Amino acid sequence: MSNETRFLAEAIELARANIVEGGRPFGAVVVRDGAVVATGVNEIHITNDPTAHAEMTALRNASNKLGSSDLSGCVVYASGHPCPMCMAAMRISGVKRVAYAYSNDDGAPFGLSTAAVYEDLAKPFAEQSMAISYVPVRPEGRADLYQQWTQSRGGQR
C-alpha cells in the first residue's frame, strides 16, 4: 500500500468514526515528511460552527501542533472533495498538495457535494447567488487600517 493510499484510508476511517459519533462522513489527515502531523473530522454537529469541516479542523490542529500558521511542506489527505473554503484555507496556509478519496460526483446522490458552490464562485460577483459589494469606508481622523497594521509591525508586511 502506498503512503497516499494509507493516508487516504486513515482519513476514511476518521470519517467512519465520525459517523458513529453522529457527525458527517468527513475526515482529514495532515502529513509532513511522511509523518502524520494532525487529523480532523467534521465537527459541525458538535460546535454548530459552519467552518468546522474536517480539513479546517485538521489545519487548525496542525497549526497548533507546529506553532505556526505556515504549513508549507504539508500534504492534506481528505476523505471527500474539499469545499472551496477548505481549499482556500489550504492555499493560504502554504499547503501545495491535497488528495481526496471521494469526489463531488460520489457525494452528490447523498447531498454531500459542493460542486454548486464551486460553480457559483466561478461567476463574476454580480452574477453570484450572494450579494457582494465593495464599500470603501475610511473613517475621518483615523489612520488607514492597512497602514496602521504595517506601522505596528515596524514596516514589515
N, C-alpha and C. Protein backbone atom coordinates (compact mmCIF):
# COMPACT_ATOMS: atom_id res chain seq x y z
N MET A 1 0.86 -1.18 0.00
CA MET A 1 0.00 0.00 0.00
C MET A 1 0.90 1.24 0.00
N SER A 2 0.62 2.16 -0.91
CA SER A 2 1.41 3.40 -0.97
C SER A 2 1.06 4.30 0.22
N ASN A 3 1.94 5.26 0.49
CA ASN A 3 1.66 6.22 1.56
C ASN A 3 0.37 6.98 1.28
N GLU A 4 0.18 7.39 0.01
CA GLU A 4 -1.04 8.12 -0.34
C GLU A 4 -2.28 7.30 -0.02
N THR A 5 -2.28 6.04 -0.41
CA THR A 5 -3.42 5.16 -0.13
C THR A 5 -3.61 4.99 1.37
N ARG A 6 -2.50 4.83 2.10
CA ARG A 6 -2.57 4.64 3.55
C ARG A 6 -3.17 5.86 4.24
N PHE A 7 -2.72 7.06 3.85
CA PHE A 7 -3.23 8.28 4.48
C PHE A 7 -4.69 8.55 4.08
N LEU A 8 -5.04 8.23 2.84
CA LEU A 8 -6.45 8.38 2.44
C LEU A 8 -7.33 7.39 3.20
N ALA A 9 -6.84 6.17 3.39
CA ALA A 9 -7.59 5.17 4.17
C ALA A 9 -7.75 5.66 5.61
N GLU A 10 -6.74 6.31 6.16
CA GLU A 10 -6.85 6.86 7.51
C GLU A 10 -7.91 7.95 7.57
N ALA A 11 -7.94 8.81 6.56
CA ALA A 11 -8.97 9.86 6.50
C ALA A 11 -10.36 9.25 6.43
N ILE A 12 -10.51 8.18 5.66
CA ILE A 12 -11.80 7.50 5.54
C ILE A 12 -12.20 6.88 6.87
N GLU A 13 -11.25 6.28 7.58
CA GLU A 13 -11.56 5.69 8.89
C GLU A 13 -11.97 6.76 9.90
N LEU A 14 -11.33 7.93 9.84
CA LEU A 14 -11.76 9.04 10.69
C LEU A 14 -13.19 9.44 10.37
N ALA A 15 -13.51 9.47 9.08
CA ALA A 15 -14.87 9.81 8.65
C ALA A 15 -15.88 8.78 9.15
N ARG A 16 -15.52 7.51 9.05
CA ARG A 16 -16.42 6.44 9.53
C ARG A 16 -16.66 6.58 11.04
N ALA A 17 -15.60 6.85 11.79
CA ALA A 17 -15.74 7.03 13.24
C ALA A 17 -16.61 8.24 13.54
N ASN A 18 -16.51 9.27 12.72
CA ASN A 18 -17.31 10.48 12.93
C ASN A 18 -18.80 10.19 12.69
N ILE A 19 -19.09 9.33 11.74
CA ILE A 19 -20.49 8.93 11.51
C ILE A 19 -21.05 8.29 12.77
N VAL A 20 -20.27 7.40 13.38
CA VAL A 20 -20.70 6.71 14.60
C VAL A 20 -20.98 7.72 15.72
N GLU A 21 -20.22 8.83 15.73
CA GLU A 21 -20.40 9.87 16.75
C GLU A 21 -21.50 10.87 16.39
N GLY A 22 -22.20 10.62 15.29
CA GLY A 22 -23.29 11.50 14.90
C GLY A 22 -22.91 12.59 13.92
N GLY A 23 -21.67 12.54 13.43
CA GLY A 23 -21.19 13.58 12.52
C GLY A 23 -21.30 13.19 11.06
N ARG A 24 -20.82 14.09 10.23
CA ARG A 24 -20.84 13.88 8.79
C ARG A 24 -19.63 13.03 8.38
N PRO A 25 -19.71 12.39 7.22
CA PRO A 25 -18.66 11.43 6.82
C PRO A 25 -17.41 12.08 6.22
N PHE A 26 -16.75 12.91 7.03
CA PHE A 26 -15.56 13.59 6.54
C PHE A 26 -14.44 13.53 7.56
N GLY A 27 -13.25 13.14 7.08
CA GLY A 27 -12.05 13.11 7.90
C GLY A 27 -10.89 13.62 7.08
N ALA A 28 -9.86 14.14 7.74
CA ALA A 28 -8.69 14.67 7.04
C ALA A 28 -7.43 14.41 7.86
N VAL A 29 -6.33 14.24 7.14
CA VAL A 29 -5.04 13.96 7.74
C VAL A 29 -4.03 14.94 7.14
N VAL A 30 -3.26 15.61 8.00
CA VAL A 30 -2.19 16.50 7.55
C VAL A 30 -0.87 15.77 7.77
N VAL A 31 -0.07 15.69 6.70
CA VAL A 31 1.18 14.93 6.73
C VAL A 31 2.33 15.84 6.30
N ARG A 32 3.44 15.72 7.01
CA ARG A 32 4.68 16.42 6.61
C ARG A 32 5.82 15.42 6.72
N ASP A 33 6.62 15.36 5.68
CA ASP A 33 7.78 14.46 5.64
C ASP A 33 7.39 13.01 5.95
N GLY A 34 6.25 12.59 5.45
CA GLY A 34 5.81 11.21 5.60
C GLY A 34 5.22 10.85 6.94
N ALA A 35 5.08 11.83 7.84
CA ALA A 35 4.53 11.56 9.17
C ALA A 35 3.26 12.38 9.40
N VAL A 36 2.31 11.77 10.07
CA VAL A 36 1.06 12.47 10.38
C VAL A 36 1.35 13.56 11.40
N VAL A 37 0.98 14.79 11.05
CA VAL A 37 1.13 15.93 11.95
C VAL A 37 -0.14 16.10 12.77
N ALA A 38 -1.30 15.99 12.09
CA ALA A 38 -2.58 16.19 12.77
C ALA A 38 -3.70 15.58 11.94
N THR A 39 -4.82 15.39 12.61
CA THR A 39 -6.02 14.89 11.94
C THR A 39 -7.20 15.76 12.33
N GLY A 40 -8.29 15.57 11.63
CA GLY A 40 -9.51 16.29 11.96
C GLY A 40 -10.71 15.62 11.35
N VAL A 41 -11.84 15.86 11.96
CA VAL A 41 -13.12 15.40 11.42
C VAL A 41 -14.08 16.57 11.37
N ASN A 42 -15.14 16.39 10.64
CA ASN A 42 -16.18 17.42 10.57
C ASN A 42 -16.85 17.50 11.94
N GLU A 43 -16.79 18.69 12.57
CA GLU A 43 -17.32 18.87 13.92
C GLU A 43 -18.52 19.81 13.97
N ILE A 44 -19.15 20.05 12.85
CA ILE A 44 -20.30 20.96 12.82
C ILE A 44 -21.39 20.50 13.79
N HIS A 45 -21.59 19.20 13.88
CA HIS A 45 -22.64 18.65 14.75
C HIS A 45 -22.35 18.92 16.23
N ILE A 46 -21.10 19.15 16.58
CA ILE A 46 -20.72 19.40 17.97
C ILE A 46 -20.66 20.90 18.27
N THR A 47 -20.08 21.65 17.34
CA THR A 47 -19.78 23.06 17.59
C THR A 47 -20.80 24.04 17.03
N ASN A 48 -21.63 23.58 16.09
CA ASN A 48 -22.53 24.47 15.34
C ASN A 48 -21.75 25.53 14.58
N ASP A 49 -20.49 25.29 14.34
CA ASP A 49 -19.61 26.18 13.59
C ASP A 49 -19.60 25.70 12.14
N PRO A 50 -20.14 26.49 11.22
CA PRO A 50 -20.20 26.04 9.82
C PRO A 50 -18.83 25.90 9.17
N THR A 51 -17.78 26.41 9.81
CA THR A 51 -16.43 26.26 9.26
C THR A 51 -15.70 25.04 9.83
N ALA A 52 -16.33 24.27 10.68
CA ALA A 52 -15.68 23.14 11.34
C ALA A 52 -15.65 21.90 10.45
N HIS A 53 -15.20 22.09 9.21
CA HIS A 53 -15.04 20.97 8.29
C HIS A 53 -13.81 20.17 8.69
N ALA A 54 -13.72 18.94 8.25
CA ALA A 54 -12.60 18.08 8.62
C ALA A 54 -11.26 18.70 8.25
N GLU A 55 -11.18 19.26 7.05
CA GLU A 55 -9.91 19.84 6.62
C GLU A 55 -9.56 21.06 7.47
N MET A 56 -10.54 21.89 7.77
CA MET A 56 -10.29 23.07 8.60
C MET A 56 -9.84 22.66 9.99
N THR A 57 -10.49 21.66 10.56
CA THR A 57 -10.13 21.17 11.88
C THR A 57 -8.71 20.60 11.87
N ALA A 58 -8.39 19.85 10.82
CA ALA A 58 -7.05 19.28 10.71
C ALA A 58 -5.99 20.38 10.55
N LEU A 59 -6.30 21.41 9.74
CA LEU A 59 -5.36 22.53 9.59
C LEU A 59 -5.15 23.25 10.91
N ARG A 60 -6.23 23.50 11.65
CA ARG A 60 -6.11 24.16 12.95
C ARG A 60 -5.25 23.33 13.89
N ASN A 61 -5.52 22.02 13.92
CA ASN A 61 -4.76 21.13 14.80
C ASN A 61 -3.28 21.11 14.40
N ALA A 62 -3.00 21.08 13.10
CA ALA A 62 -1.62 21.07 12.63
C ALA A 62 -0.92 22.38 12.98
N SER A 63 -1.60 23.49 12.77
CA SER A 63 -1.01 24.79 13.10
C SER A 63 -0.70 24.90 14.58
N ASN A 64 -1.62 24.43 15.40
CA ASN A 64 -1.40 24.45 16.85
C ASN A 64 -0.21 23.57 17.23
N LYS A 65 -0.14 22.37 16.66
CA LYS A 65 0.95 21.45 16.99
C LYS A 65 2.30 21.99 16.54
N LEU A 66 2.32 22.59 15.34
CA LEU A 66 3.58 23.10 14.79
C LEU A 66 3.92 24.50 15.28
N GLY A 67 2.95 25.16 15.93
CA GLY A 67 3.18 26.51 16.42
C GLY A 67 3.33 27.54 15.32
N SER A 68 2.67 27.29 14.20
CA SER A 68 2.80 28.19 13.05
C SER A 68 1.59 28.05 12.14
N SER A 69 1.21 29.16 11.53
CA SER A 69 0.14 29.11 10.53
C SER A 69 0.70 28.72 9.16
N ASP A 70 2.02 28.63 9.04
CA ASP A 70 2.66 28.24 7.79
C ASP A 70 2.78 26.72 7.73
N LEU A 71 1.99 26.12 6.88
CA LEU A 71 2.00 24.66 6.76
C LEU A 71 2.69 24.22 5.46
N SER A 72 3.63 25.03 5.00
CA SER A 72 4.41 24.67 3.82
C SER A 72 5.05 23.30 4.05
N GLY A 73 5.04 22.50 3.01
CA GLY A 73 5.62 21.16 3.12
C GLY A 73 4.63 20.11 3.57
N CYS A 74 3.43 20.55 3.96
CA CYS A 74 2.41 19.59 4.39
C CYS A 74 1.54 19.17 3.20
N VAL A 75 1.02 17.97 3.29
CA VAL A 75 0.05 17.44 2.33
C VAL A 75 -1.21 17.12 3.12
N VAL A 76 -2.37 17.42 2.54
CA VAL A 76 -3.63 17.10 3.19
C VAL A 76 -4.28 15.94 2.43
N TYR A 77 -4.70 14.94 3.19
CA TYR A 77 -5.43 13.80 2.66
C TYR A 77 -6.83 13.87 3.24
N ALA A 78 -7.84 13.93 2.38
CA ALA A 78 -9.22 14.11 2.82
C ALA A 78 -10.10 12.97 2.31
N SER A 79 -11.07 12.63 3.10
CA SER A 79 -11.99 11.57 2.68
C SER A 79 -12.85 12.02 1.51
N GLY A 80 -13.25 13.29 1.52
CA GLY A 80 -14.11 13.80 0.45
C GLY A 80 -13.52 15.02 -0.21
N HIS A 81 -14.08 15.38 -1.35
CA HIS A 81 -13.62 16.54 -2.11
C HIS A 81 -13.73 17.79 -1.24
N PRO A 82 -12.61 18.45 -0.94
CA PRO A 82 -12.68 19.64 -0.10
C PRO A 82 -13.50 20.75 -0.76
N CYS A 83 -14.25 21.46 0.05
CA CYS A 83 -15.06 22.58 -0.42
C CYS A 83 -14.16 23.77 -0.73
N PRO A 84 -14.69 24.80 -1.38
CA PRO A 84 -13.88 25.98 -1.69
C PRO A 84 -13.26 26.64 -0.46
N MET A 85 -13.97 26.68 0.66
CA MET A 85 -13.43 27.28 1.88
C MET A 85 -12.18 26.53 2.33
N CYS A 86 -12.28 25.21 2.33
CA CYS A 86 -11.15 24.39 2.77
C CYS A 86 -9.98 24.49 1.80
N MET A 87 -10.29 24.51 0.50
CA MET A 87 -9.23 24.66 -0.50
C MET A 87 -8.51 25.99 -0.30
N ALA A 88 -9.28 27.06 -0.06
CA ALA A 88 -8.68 28.37 0.14
C ALA A 88 -7.81 28.37 1.39
N ALA A 89 -8.29 27.77 2.47
CA ALA A 89 -7.51 27.73 3.71
C ALA A 89 -6.21 26.96 3.51
N MET A 90 -6.27 25.88 2.75
CA MET A 90 -5.05 25.11 2.49
C MET A 90 -4.06 25.96 1.71
N ARG A 91 -4.54 26.67 0.70
CA ARG A 91 -3.64 27.52 -0.11
C ARG A 91 -3.04 28.63 0.75
N ILE A 92 -3.88 29.28 1.56
CA ILE A 92 -3.40 30.38 2.41
C ILE A 92 -2.36 29.89 3.41
N SER A 93 -2.51 28.66 3.88
CA SER A 93 -1.58 28.12 4.88
C SER A 93 -0.29 27.58 4.26
N GLY A 94 -0.22 27.53 2.95
CA GLY A 94 1.01 27.07 2.29
C GLY A 94 1.00 25.63 1.84
N VAL A 95 -0.12 24.93 2.03
CA VAL A 95 -0.23 23.54 1.56
C VAL A 95 -0.19 23.56 0.03
N LYS A 96 0.65 22.72 -0.55
CA LYS A 96 0.79 22.68 -2.01
C LYS A 96 0.16 21.45 -2.64
N ARG A 97 -0.28 20.50 -1.81
CA ARG A 97 -0.86 19.27 -2.37
C ARG A 97 -1.98 18.78 -1.48
N VAL A 98 -3.05 18.34 -2.13
CA VAL A 98 -4.18 17.73 -1.45
C VAL A 98 -4.64 16.54 -2.29
N ALA A 99 -5.01 15.47 -1.62
CA ALA A 99 -5.58 14.30 -2.29
C ALA A 99 -6.86 13.94 -1.56
N TYR A 100 -7.87 13.51 -2.32
CA TYR A 100 -9.14 13.12 -1.69
C TYR A 100 -9.66 11.83 -2.31
N ALA A 101 -10.42 11.07 -1.51
CA ALA A 101 -10.86 9.74 -1.89
C ALA A 101 -12.24 9.71 -2.55
N TYR A 102 -13.13 10.60 -2.15
CA TYR A 102 -14.49 10.63 -2.70
C TYR A 102 -14.70 11.97 -3.39
N SER A 103 -15.20 11.94 -4.62
CA SER A 103 -15.40 13.15 -5.41
C SER A 103 -16.75 13.78 -5.13
N ASN A 104 -16.94 14.98 -5.66
CA ASN A 104 -18.26 15.62 -5.57
C ASN A 104 -19.31 14.77 -6.28
N ASP A 105 -18.93 14.14 -7.38
CA ASP A 105 -19.88 13.24 -8.07
C ASP A 105 -20.27 12.07 -7.18
N ASP A 106 -19.32 11.53 -6.43
CA ASP A 106 -19.63 10.44 -5.49
C ASP A 106 -20.61 10.90 -4.41
N GLY A 107 -20.43 12.13 -3.95
CA GLY A 107 -21.26 12.64 -2.86
C GLY A 107 -22.61 13.20 -3.27
N ALA A 108 -22.76 13.57 -4.52
CA ALA A 108 -23.99 14.24 -4.98
C ALA A 108 -25.27 13.48 -4.65
N PRO A 109 -25.36 12.17 -4.88
CA PRO A 109 -26.61 11.46 -4.57
C PRO A 109 -27.00 11.49 -3.08
N PHE A 110 -26.04 11.88 -2.23
CA PHE A 110 -26.26 11.88 -0.79
C PHE A 110 -26.32 13.28 -0.21
N GLY A 111 -26.35 14.28 -1.08
CA GLY A 111 -26.38 15.67 -0.63
C GLY A 111 -25.04 16.12 -0.06
N LEU A 112 -23.96 15.49 -0.50
CA LEU A 112 -22.63 15.77 0.05
C LEU A 112 -21.68 16.33 -1.01
N SER A 113 -22.20 17.08 -1.95
CA SER A 113 -21.39 17.68 -2.99
C SER A 113 -21.34 19.19 -2.83
N THR A 114 -20.18 19.77 -3.10
CA THR A 114 -20.05 21.22 -3.08
C THR A 114 -19.85 21.77 -4.50
N ALA A 115 -20.18 20.96 -5.49
CA ALA A 115 -20.00 21.37 -6.89
C ALA A 115 -20.76 22.65 -7.20
N ALA A 116 -21.95 22.81 -6.66
CA ALA A 116 -22.75 24.01 -6.93
C ALA A 116 -22.07 25.26 -6.37
N VAL A 117 -21.40 25.12 -5.24
CA VAL A 117 -20.68 26.25 -4.65
C VAL A 117 -19.51 26.63 -5.55
N TYR A 118 -18.77 25.63 -6.02
CA TYR A 118 -17.68 25.90 -6.96
C TYR A 118 -18.19 26.63 -8.20
N GLU A 119 -19.31 26.16 -8.74
CA GLU A 119 -19.89 26.78 -9.94
C GLU A 119 -20.28 28.23 -9.67
N ASP A 120 -20.91 28.48 -8.53
CA ASP A 120 -21.35 29.84 -8.20
C ASP A 120 -20.14 30.76 -8.03
N LEU A 121 -19.10 30.29 -7.36
CA LEU A 121 -17.91 31.12 -7.12
C LEU A 121 -17.15 31.43 -8.41
N ALA A 122 -17.35 30.62 -9.44
CA ALA A 122 -16.66 30.86 -10.72
C ALA A 122 -17.29 32.02 -11.50
N LYS A 123 -18.47 32.45 -11.08
CA LYS A 123 -19.17 33.54 -11.76
C LYS A 123 -18.63 34.89 -11.29
N PRO A 124 -18.79 35.94 -12.11
CA PRO A 124 -18.46 37.29 -11.62
C PRO A 124 -19.33 37.61 -10.39
N PHE A 125 -18.81 38.47 -9.51
CA PHE A 125 -19.55 38.82 -8.28
C PHE A 125 -21.00 39.16 -8.56
N ALA A 126 -21.26 39.96 -9.57
CA ALA A 126 -22.62 40.43 -9.85
C ALA A 126 -23.58 39.31 -10.21
N GLU A 127 -23.05 38.16 -10.60
CA GLU A 127 -23.89 37.03 -11.01
C GLU A 127 -23.99 35.94 -9.94
N GLN A 128 -23.27 36.08 -8.84
CA GLN A 128 -23.30 35.05 -7.81
C GLN A 128 -24.58 35.13 -6.98
N SER A 129 -24.92 34.05 -6.32
CA SER A 129 -26.16 33.97 -5.54
C SER A 129 -26.12 34.81 -4.26
N MET A 130 -24.94 35.17 -3.80
CA MET A 130 -24.78 36.01 -2.62
C MET A 130 -24.42 37.42 -3.07
N ALA A 131 -25.09 38.40 -2.50
CA ALA A 131 -24.77 39.79 -2.84
C ALA A 131 -23.41 40.15 -2.27
N ILE A 132 -22.52 40.66 -3.12
CA ILE A 132 -21.17 41.03 -2.72
C ILE A 132 -20.93 42.45 -3.19
N SER A 133 -20.52 43.32 -2.26
CA SER A 133 -20.28 44.71 -2.67
C SER A 133 -19.05 45.28 -1.98
N TYR A 134 -18.35 46.13 -2.70
CA TYR A 134 -17.19 46.84 -2.19
C TYR A 134 -17.67 48.22 -1.77
N VAL A 135 -17.52 48.55 -0.49
CA VAL A 135 -17.95 49.84 0.05
C VAL A 135 -16.73 50.42 0.77
N PRO A 136 -15.97 51.29 0.12
CA PRO A 136 -14.71 51.78 0.68
C PRO A 136 -14.89 52.82 1.79
N VAL A 137 -15.19 52.36 3.00
CA VAL A 137 -15.36 53.23 4.15
C VAL A 137 -13.99 53.55 4.74
N ARG A 138 -13.71 54.82 4.95
CA ARG A 138 -12.46 55.28 5.56
C ARG A 138 -12.84 56.34 6.59
N PRO A 139 -13.04 55.97 7.86
CA PRO A 139 -13.44 56.96 8.88
C PRO A 139 -12.46 58.12 8.96
N GLU A 140 -13.02 59.33 8.99
CA GLU A 140 -12.20 60.54 9.07
C GLU A 140 -11.46 60.59 10.41
N GLY A 141 -10.26 61.12 10.35
CA GLY A 141 -9.48 61.29 11.57
C GLY A 141 -8.82 60.01 12.06
N ARG A 142 -8.93 58.94 11.31
CA ARG A 142 -8.33 57.66 11.71
C ARG A 142 -7.29 57.26 10.67
N ALA A 143 -6.24 56.62 11.14
CA ALA A 143 -5.21 56.12 10.22
C ALA A 143 -5.83 55.08 9.30
N ASP A 144 -5.28 54.96 8.11
CA ASP A 144 -5.71 53.90 7.21
C ASP A 144 -5.47 52.56 7.91
N LEU A 145 -6.42 51.67 7.85
CA LEU A 145 -6.37 50.40 8.55
C LEU A 145 -5.12 49.60 8.19
N TYR A 146 -4.85 49.48 6.90
CA TYR A 146 -3.71 48.67 6.48
C TYR A 146 -2.39 49.37 6.79
N GLN A 147 -2.35 50.68 6.69
CA GLN A 147 -1.14 51.41 7.07
C GLN A 147 -0.87 51.24 8.56
N GLN A 148 -1.92 51.28 9.37
CA GLN A 148 -1.76 51.08 10.81
C GLN A 148 -1.16 49.72 11.09
N TRP A 149 -1.64 48.72 10.39
CA TRP A 149 -1.13 47.36 10.58
C TRP A 149 0.35 47.29 10.22
N THR A 150 0.72 47.85 9.07
CA THR A 150 2.12 47.83 8.64
C THR A 150 2.99 48.57 9.63
N GLN A 151 2.53 49.73 10.12
CA GLN A 151 3.32 50.50 11.09
C GLN A 151 3.47 49.74 12.40
N SER A 152 2.45 49.00 12.80
CA SER A 152 2.52 48.23 14.05
C SER A 152 3.54 47.11 13.97
N ARG A 153 3.91 46.74 12.77
CA ARG A 153 4.88 45.66 12.55
C ARG A 153 6.25 46.22 12.16
N GLY A 154 6.46 47.51 12.38
CA GLY A 154 7.74 48.12 12.06
C GLY A 154 7.99 48.21 10.57
N GLY A 155 6.93 48.34 9.80
CA GLY A 155 7.05 48.46 8.36
C GLY A 155 7.11 47.13 7.62
N GLN A 156 7.11 46.02 8.38
CA GLN A 156 7.15 44.69 7.74
C GLN A 156 5.75 44.27 7.34
N ARG A 157 5.69 43.56 6.27
CA ARG A 157 4.39 43.06 5.79
C ARG A 157 4.17 41.64 6.14
